[in-house]
Amino acid sequence: MIYYVALPFVRLDEGLVPGEAVECPHAGAAIRRAAALASASTNAGAVAFSRCGDPDTGDFDEAVVLQTFGEVPDDIGAQPDVGFPPP
């Protein structure tokens, strides 16, 4: 199964931390939602990504970054537990 996700990031004392992930129906929707999330004054940036996996087994591939907006961590695609789906 392929998940499409928009994930905002907020800046805290410890650096950029992810906000609440939003599942989207397709890549275009994830990109549009990430752009909107990044424009919110409370967020430093956002990323739209896709991820293949099986929620029943918990096996997921690395995130594939579709587009970033504003400030996001450099290694976002390599973080296996980033944002979505929840464990």
N, C-alpha and C. Protein backbone atom coordinates (compact mmCIF):
# COMPACT_ATOMS: atom_id res chain seq x y z
N MET A 1 0.83 -1.16 0.00
CA MET A 1 0.00 0.00 0.00
C MET A 1 0.89 1.24 0.00
N ILE A 2 0.50 2.24 -0.75
CA ILE A 2 1.25 3.50 -0.79
C ILE A 2 0.48 4.55 0.00
N TYR A 3 1.17 5.20 0.92
CA TYR A 3 0.62 6.30 1.69
C TYR A 3 1.20 7.60 1.16
N TYR A 4 0.37 8.62 1.08
CA TYR A 4 0.82 9.97 0.72
C TYR A 4 0.57 10.84 1.94
N VAL A 5 1.59 11.58 2.33
CA VAL A 5 1.55 12.27 3.62
C VAL A 5 2.09 13.68 3.50
N ALA A 6 1.48 14.60 4.25
CA ALA A 6 2.02 15.95 4.46
C ALA A 6 2.39 16.04 5.93
N LEU A 7 3.60 16.50 6.20
CA LEU A 7 4.11 16.53 7.57
C LEU A 7 4.71 17.90 7.86
N PRO A 8 4.12 18.64 8.81
CA PRO A 8 4.70 19.93 9.18
C PRO A 8 5.85 19.76 10.18
N PHE A 9 6.70 20.77 10.25
CA PHE A 9 7.77 20.81 11.25
C PHE A 9 7.69 22.14 11.99
N VAL A 10 7.92 22.06 13.28
CA VAL A 10 7.96 23.26 14.12
C VAL A 10 9.36 23.39 14.70
N ARG A 11 9.75 24.62 14.96
CA ARG A 11 11.07 24.85 15.54
C ARG A 11 10.91 24.99 17.05
N LEU A 12 11.64 24.13 17.78
CA LEU A 12 11.70 24.19 19.23
C LEU A 12 13.16 24.38 19.63
N ASP A 13 13.42 24.51 20.92
CA ASP A 13 14.79 24.69 21.40
C ASP A 13 15.71 23.57 20.91
N GLU A 14 15.19 22.35 20.81
CA GLU A 14 16.01 21.22 20.38
C GLU A 14 16.14 21.10 18.86
N GLY A 15 15.52 22.01 18.12
CA GLY A 15 15.61 22.00 16.66
C GLY A 15 14.24 21.79 16.03
N LEU A 16 14.26 21.28 14.81
CA LEU A 16 13.01 21.02 14.08
C LEU A 16 12.42 19.69 14.54
N VAL A 17 11.15 19.72 14.89
CA VAL A 17 10.46 18.50 15.30
C VAL A 17 9.19 18.36 14.47
N PRO A 18 8.82 17.12 14.16
CA PRO A 18 7.63 16.92 13.33
C PRO A 18 6.35 17.22 14.10
N GLY A 19 5.38 17.75 13.36
CA GLY A 19 4.04 17.95 13.90
C GLY A 19 3.20 16.74 13.57
N GLU A 20 1.91 16.94 13.47
CA GLU A 20 0.99 15.84 13.19
C GLU A 20 0.91 15.57 11.69
N ALA A 21 1.18 14.34 11.29
CA ALA A 21 1.11 13.94 9.89
C ALA A 21 -0.33 13.91 9.41
N VAL A 22 -0.51 14.25 8.14
CA VAL A 22 -1.83 14.24 7.52
C VAL A 22 -1.78 13.30 6.32
N GLU A 23 -2.55 12.22 6.35
CA GLU A 23 -2.62 11.32 5.20
C GLU A 23 -3.45 11.99 4.10
N CYS A 24 -3.00 11.85 2.86
CA CYS A 24 -3.66 12.46 1.71
C CYS A 24 -3.98 11.38 0.67
N PRO A 25 -4.96 11.62 -0.20
CA PRO A 25 -5.39 10.58 -1.15
C PRO A 25 -4.43 10.34 -2.30
N HIS A 26 -3.60 11.33 -2.64
CA HIS A 26 -2.66 11.16 -3.75
C HIS A 26 -1.52 12.16 -3.61
N ALA A 27 -0.50 12.04 -4.45
CA ALA A 27 0.70 12.86 -4.36
C ALA A 27 0.39 14.35 -4.47
N GLY A 28 -0.45 14.74 -5.41
CA GLY A 28 -0.78 16.15 -5.60
C GLY A 28 -1.42 16.75 -4.36
N ALA A 29 -2.29 16.00 -3.73
CA ALA A 29 -2.94 16.48 -2.51
C ALA A 29 -1.93 16.63 -1.37
N ALA A 30 -0.99 15.70 -1.28
CA ALA A 30 0.04 15.79 -0.24
C ALA A 30 0.91 17.02 -0.44
N ILE A 31 1.25 17.31 -1.69
CA ILE A 31 2.07 18.49 -1.99
C ILE A 31 1.31 19.77 -1.66
N ARG A 32 0.05 19.84 -2.05
CA ARG A 32 -0.75 21.03 -1.74
C ARG A 32 -0.92 21.21 -0.23
N ARG A 33 -1.17 20.13 0.48
CA ARG A 33 -1.36 20.22 1.93
C ARG A 33 -0.06 20.64 2.61
N ALA A 34 1.07 20.10 2.16
CA ALA A 34 2.36 20.48 2.74
C ALA A 34 2.64 21.97 2.52
N ALA A 35 2.32 22.47 1.34
CA ALA A 35 2.50 23.90 1.06
C ALA A 35 1.66 24.74 2.01
N ALA A 36 0.42 24.32 2.24
CA ALA A 36 -0.46 25.05 3.15
C ALA A 36 0.06 24.98 4.58
N LEU A 37 0.52 23.81 5.01
CA LEU A 37 1.05 23.66 6.36
C LEU A 37 2.28 24.53 6.57
N ALA A 38 3.14 24.61 5.55
CA ALA A 38 4.36 25.40 5.65
C ALA A 38 4.06 26.89 5.76
N SER A 39 2.94 27.31 5.22
CA SER A 39 2.60 28.74 5.26
C SER A 39 1.99 29.17 6.59
N ALA A 40 1.64 28.22 7.44
CA ALA A 40 1.10 28.55 8.76
C ALA A 40 2.20 29.15 9.63
N SER A 41 1.89 30.20 10.35
CA SER A 41 2.90 30.90 11.14
C SER A 41 3.50 30.04 12.25
N THR A 42 2.82 28.99 12.66
CA THR A 42 3.32 28.13 13.74
C THR A 42 4.32 27.08 13.23
N ASN A 43 4.41 26.90 11.92
CA ASN A 43 5.29 25.89 11.35
C ASN A 43 6.51 26.51 10.68
N ALA A 44 7.65 25.83 10.81
CA ALA A 44 8.88 26.27 10.14
C ALA A 44 8.92 25.79 8.70
N GLY A 45 8.23 24.71 8.41
CA GLY A 45 8.21 24.13 7.08
C GLY A 45 7.37 22.88 7.07
N ALA A 46 7.38 22.20 5.93
CA ALA A 46 6.62 20.95 5.79
C ALA A 46 7.19 20.15 4.64
N VAL A 47 6.87 18.88 4.63
CA VAL A 47 7.31 17.99 3.57
C VAL A 47 6.13 17.15 3.11
N ALA A 48 6.09 16.89 1.82
CA ALA A 48 5.15 15.93 1.25
C ALA A 48 5.97 14.70 0.87
N PHE A 49 5.49 13.54 1.28
CA PHE A 49 6.24 12.32 0.94
C PHE A 49 5.28 11.16 0.73
N SER A 50 5.82 10.12 0.12
CA SER A 50 5.07 8.87 -0.02
C SER A 50 5.86 7.78 0.69
N ARG A 51 5.14 6.74 1.02
CA ARG A 51 5.76 5.63 1.73
C ARG A 51 5.00 4.36 1.42
N CYS A 52 5.69 3.33 1.03
CA CYS A 52 5.08 2.03 0.76
C CYS A 52 5.24 1.15 1.99
N GLY A 53 4.21 0.36 2.25
CA GLY A 53 4.35 -0.55 3.36
C GLY A 53 3.08 -1.28 3.70
N ASP A 54 3.20 -2.12 4.69
CA ASP A 54 2.09 -2.95 5.16
C ASP A 54 1.82 -2.63 6.62
N PRO A 55 0.71 -1.95 6.93
CA PRO A 55 0.44 -1.60 8.32
C PRO A 55 0.19 -2.81 9.22
N ASP A 56 -0.20 -3.92 8.63
CA ASP A 56 -0.46 -5.13 9.43
C ASP A 56 0.84 -5.73 9.97
N THR A 57 1.91 -5.66 9.18
CA THR A 57 3.18 -6.22 9.61
C THR A 57 4.13 -5.16 10.16
N GLY A 58 3.85 -3.89 9.86
CA GLY A 58 4.72 -2.81 10.31
C GLY A 58 5.95 -2.63 9.43
N ASP A 59 5.98 -3.31 8.29
CA ASP A 59 7.11 -3.18 7.37
C ASP A 59 6.87 -2.03 6.41
N PHE A 60 7.75 -1.04 6.43
CA PHE A 60 7.63 0.12 5.56
C PHE A 60 8.96 0.46 4.93
N ASP A 61 8.92 0.90 3.68
CA ASP A 61 10.11 1.38 2.99
C ASP A 61 10.43 2.77 3.50
N GLU A 62 11.61 3.26 3.12
CA GLU A 62 11.98 4.63 3.45
C GLU A 62 11.02 5.59 2.77
N ALA A 63 10.85 6.75 3.36
CA ALA A 63 10.00 7.78 2.77
C ALA A 63 10.63 8.30 1.49
N VAL A 64 9.79 8.57 0.49
CA VAL A 64 10.23 9.18 -0.76
C VAL A 64 9.71 10.62 -0.75
N VAL A 65 10.62 11.57 -0.67
CA VAL A 65 10.23 12.97 -0.58
C VAL A 65 9.70 13.44 -1.93
N LEU A 66 8.49 13.99 -1.90
CA LEU A 66 7.87 14.53 -3.11
C LEU A 66 8.22 16.01 -3.28
N GLN A 67 8.15 16.77 -2.17
CA GLN A 67 8.50 18.18 -2.21
C GLN A 67 8.62 18.70 -0.78
N THR A 68 9.54 19.66 -0.59
CA THR A 68 9.69 20.29 0.72
C THR A 68 9.36 21.77 0.60
N PHE A 69 8.96 22.34 1.72
CA PHE A 69 8.63 23.76 1.80
C PHE A 69 9.20 24.30 3.10
N GLY A 70 9.90 25.42 3.04
CA GLY A 70 10.47 26.02 4.25
C GLY A 70 11.58 25.16 4.82
N GLU A 71 11.65 25.14 6.14
CA GLU A 71 12.71 24.40 6.83
C GLU A 71 12.24 23.00 7.21
N VAL A 72 12.99 21.99 6.76
CA VAL A 72 12.75 20.59 7.13
C VAL A 72 14.11 19.94 7.36
N PRO A 73 14.17 18.86 8.13
CA PRO A 73 15.45 18.17 8.32
C PRO A 73 16.03 17.68 7.00
N ASP A 74 17.35 17.72 6.88
CA ASP A 74 18.02 17.30 5.64
C ASP A 74 17.83 15.83 5.34
N ASP A 75 17.74 14.99 6.36
CA ASP A 75 17.70 13.54 6.18
C ASP A 75 16.29 12.97 6.27
N ILE A 76 15.29 13.73 5.89
CA ILE A 76 13.90 13.32 6.07
C ILE A 76 13.59 11.98 5.38
N GLY A 77 14.12 11.72 4.20
CA GLY A 77 13.82 10.48 3.50
C GLY A 77 14.43 9.25 4.13
N ALA A 78 15.46 9.42 4.93
CA ALA A 78 16.14 8.28 5.54
C ALA A 78 15.60 7.92 6.91
N GLN A 79 14.66 8.69 7.42
CA GLN A 79 14.12 8.42 8.74
C GLN A 79 12.97 7.41 8.62
N PRO A 80 13.21 6.16 9.02
CA PRO A 80 12.20 5.12 8.81
C PRO A 80 10.91 5.31 9.58
N ASP A 81 10.94 6.07 10.66
CA ASP A 81 9.73 6.21 11.48
C ASP A 81 9.10 7.59 11.34
N VAL A 82 9.45 8.32 10.27
CA VAL A 82 8.97 9.68 10.15
C VAL A 82 7.46 9.73 9.95
N GLY A 83 6.81 10.34 10.88
CA GLY A 83 5.46 10.81 10.71
C GLY A 83 4.33 9.86 10.49
N PHE A 84 4.41 8.95 9.55
CA PHE A 84 3.23 8.18 9.19
C PHE A 84 3.64 6.91 8.48
N PRO A 85 2.93 5.87 8.59
CA PRO A 85 1.81 5.66 9.51
C PRO A 85 2.32 5.46 10.92
N PRO A 86 1.45 5.65 11.89
CA PRO A 86 1.88 5.49 13.29
C PRO A 86 2.20 4.03 13.59
N PRO A 87 3.08 3.80 14.55
CA PRO A 87 3.46 2.42 14.91
C PRO A 87 2.28 1.63 15.46
